[in-house]
C-alpha atoms as a PDB file:
ATOM      1  CA  UNK A   1     -42.673 136.060 -66.396  1.00  0.00           C
ATOM      2  CA  UNK A   2     -41.722 132.390 -66.508  1.00  0.00           C
ATOM      3  CA  UNK A   3     -38.156 133.124 -65.448  1.00  0.00           C
ATOM      4  CA  UNK A   4     -39.357 135.315 -62.575  1.00  0.00           C
ATOM      5  CA  UNK A   5     -41.664 132.549 -61.342  1.00  0.00           C
ATOM      6  CA  UNK A   6     -38.824 130.030 -61.567  1.00  0.00           C
ATOM      7  CA  UNK A   7     -36.484 132.251 -59.553  1.00  0.00           C
ATOM      8  CA  UNK A   8     -39.217 133.008 -57.030  1.00  0.00           C
ATOM      9  CA  UNK A   9     -39.950 129.301 -56.621  1.00  0.00           C
ATOM     10  CA  UNK A  10     -36.244 128.566 -56.081  1.00  0.00           C
ATOM     11  CA  UNK A  11     -36.098 131.239 -53.386  1.00  0.00           C
ATOM     12  CA  UNK A  12     -39.326 130.308 -51.618  1.00  0.00           C
ATOM     13  CA  UNK A  13     -39.031 126.511 -51.753  1.00  0.00           C
ATOM     14  CA  UNK A  14     -36.141 126.186 -49.249  1.00  0.00           C
ATOM     15  CA  UNK A  15     -37.912 128.476 -46.786  1.00  0.00           C
ATOM     16  CA  UNK A  16     -41.125 126.482 -47.011  1.00  0.00           C
ATOM     17  CA  UNK A  17     -39.164 123.239 -46.679  1.00  0.00           C
ATOM     18  CA  UNK A  18     -37.406 124.514 -43.541  1.00  0.00           C
ATOM     19  CA  UNK A  19     -40.617 125.549 -41.798  1.00  0.00           C
ATOM     20  CA  UNK A  20     -42.263 122.241 -42.744  1.00  0.00           C
ATOM     21  CA  UNK A  21     -39.260 120.380 -41.329  1.00  0.00           C
ATOM     22  CA  UNK A  22     -39.317 122.435 -38.102  1.00  0.00           C
ATOM     23  CA  UNK A  23     -43.043 121.748 -37.690  1.00  0.00           C
ATOM     24  CA  UNK A  24     -42.539 117.999 -38.196  1.00  0.00           C
ATOM     25  CA  UNK A  25     -39.640 117.941 -35.723  1.00  0.00           C
ATOM     26  CA  UNK A  26     -41.814 119.621 -33.098  1.00  0.00           C
ATOM     27  CA  UNK A  27     -44.602 117.071 -33.617  1.00  0.00           C
ATOM     28  CA  UNK A  28     -42.110 114.213 -33.453  1.00  0.00           C
ATOM     29  CA  UNK A  29     -40.590 115.554 -30.212  1.00  0.00           C
ATOM     30  CA  UNK A  30     -44.028 115.908 -28.615  1.00  0.00           C
ATOM     31  CA  UNK A  31     -44.966 112.356 -29.567  1.00  0.00           C
ATOM     32  CA  UNK A  32     -41.662 110.990 -28.306  1.00  0.00           C
ATOM     33  CA  UNK A  33     -42.123 112.702 -24.937  1.00  0.00           C
ATOM     34  CA  UNK A  34     -45.727 111.453 -24.714  1.00  0.00           C
ATOM     35  CA  UNK A  35     -44.623 107.908 -25.623  1.00  0.00           C
ATOM     36  CA  UNK A  36     -46.952 107.680 -28.646  1.00  0.00           C
ATOM     37  CA  UNK A  37     -44.268 107.723 -31.355  1.00  0.00           C
ATOM     38  CA  UNK A  38     -44.347 104.505 -33.415  1.00  0.00           C
ATOM     39  CA  UNK A  39     -41.089 102.564 -33.601  1.00  0.00           C
ATOM     40  CA  UNK A  40     -40.637 103.057 -37.349  1.00  0.00           C
ATOM     41  CA  UNK A  41     -40.880 106.845 -37.002  1.00  0.00           C
ATOM     42  CA  UNK A  42     -38.063 106.962 -34.464  1.00  0.00           C
ATOM     43  CA  UNK A  43     -35.548 106.226 -37.227  1.00  0.00           C
ATOM     44  CA  UNK A  44     -34.201 109.042 -39.434  1.00  0.00           C
ATOM     45  CA  UNK A  45     -34.434 106.805 -42.524  1.00  0.00           C
ATOM     46  CA  UNK A  46     -38.165 107.365 -42.773  1.00  0.00           C
ATOM     47  CA  UNK A  47     -37.744 111.100 -43.204  1.00  0.00           C
ATOM     48  CA  UNK A  48     -34.840 110.629 -45.596  1.00  0.00           C
ATOM     49  CA  UNK A  49     -36.800 108.185 -47.761  1.00  0.00           C
ATOM     50  CA  UNK A  50     -39.806 110.498 -47.926  1.00  0.00           C
ATOM     51  CA  UNK A  51     -37.591 113.465 -48.816  1.00  0.00           C
ATOM     52  CA  UNK A  52     -35.755 111.481 -51.504  1.00  0.00           C
ATOM     53  CA  UNK A  53     -38.973 110.211 -53.052  1.00  0.00           C
ATOM     54  CA  UNK A  54     -40.408 113.740 -53.063  1.00  0.00           C
ATOM     55  CA  UNK A  55     -37.308 115.074 -54.809  1.00  0.00           C
ATOM     56  CA  UNK A  56     -37.384 112.336 -57.444  1.00  0.00           C
ATOM     57  CA  UNK A  57     -41.067 112.891 -58.202  1.00  0.00           C
ATOM     58  CA  UNK A  58     -40.535 116.668 -58.303  1.00  0.00           C
ATOM     59  CA  UNK A  59     -37.593 116.320 -60.693  1.00  0.00           C
ATOM     60  CA  UNK A  60     -39.582 114.048 -62.993  1.00  0.00           C
ATOM     61  CA  UNK A  61     -42.513 116.460 -63.030  1.00  0.00           C
ATOM     62  CA  UNK A  62     -40.177 119.373 -63.718  1.00  0.00           C
ATOM     63  CA  UNK A  63     -38.560 117.585 -66.651  1.00  0.00           C
ATOM     64  CA  UNK A  64     -41.916 116.487 -68.026  1.00  0.00           C
ATOM     65  CA  UNK A  65     -43.673 119.863 -67.814  1.00  0.00           C
ATOM     66  CA  UNK A  66     -40.978 122.545 -67.968  1.00  0.00           C
ATOM     67  CA  UNK A  67     -37.824 121.245 -69.628  1.00  0.00           C
ATOM     68  CA  UNK A  68     -37.677 122.243 -73.260  1.00  0.00           C
ATOM     69  CA  UNK A  69     -35.276 121.163 -75.925  1.00  0.00           C
ATOM     70  CA  UNK A  70     -35.191 122.085 -79.567  1.00  0.00           C
ATOM     71  CA  UNK A  71     -32.285 119.750 -80.310  1.00  0.00           C
ATOM     72  CA  UNK A  72     -33.043 116.544 -82.194  1.00  0.00           C
ATOM     73  CA  UNK A  73     -33.209 113.644 -79.798  1.00  0.00           C
ATOM     74  CA  UNK A  74     -34.767 115.585 -76.905  1.00  0.00           C
ATOM     75  CA  UNK A  75     -32.954 116.669 -73.779  1.00  0.00           C
ATOM     76  CA  UNK A  76     -30.094 114.189 -74.043  1.00  0.00           C
ATOM     77  CA  UNK A  77     -29.139 114.939 -77.632  1.00  0.00           C
ATOM     78  CA  UNK A  78     -29.161 112.779 -80.729  1.00  0.00           C
ATOM     79  CA  UNK A  79     -28.790 109.030 -80.430  1.00  0.00           C
ATOM     80  CA  UNK A  80     -25.915 107.356 -82.205  1.00  0.00           C
END
C-alpha cells in the first residue's frame, strides 16, 4: 500500500504542479496587462526562489517522515 501511494504521488505531483503553474501564469499575465503587477513579481527569480524553497522543505519532510534506514549511523552510514 505504501509503495502504491508513493508511486501514485510521483505520478500525480507533476500534473498538479503543471496546472498550478499554468494558473499562476494566467493570473500574472492578467495583472501585467491591467498594470497592477508589482515590480518584484515581474522577475522570474521570485517564482524560482519559491519553487526551490518548496522543494527543499518537501525533501526535508520526506527524509524526516518516510526515509528509513536499518544501518547503524542512519541514512548516511556509520561514522568513522
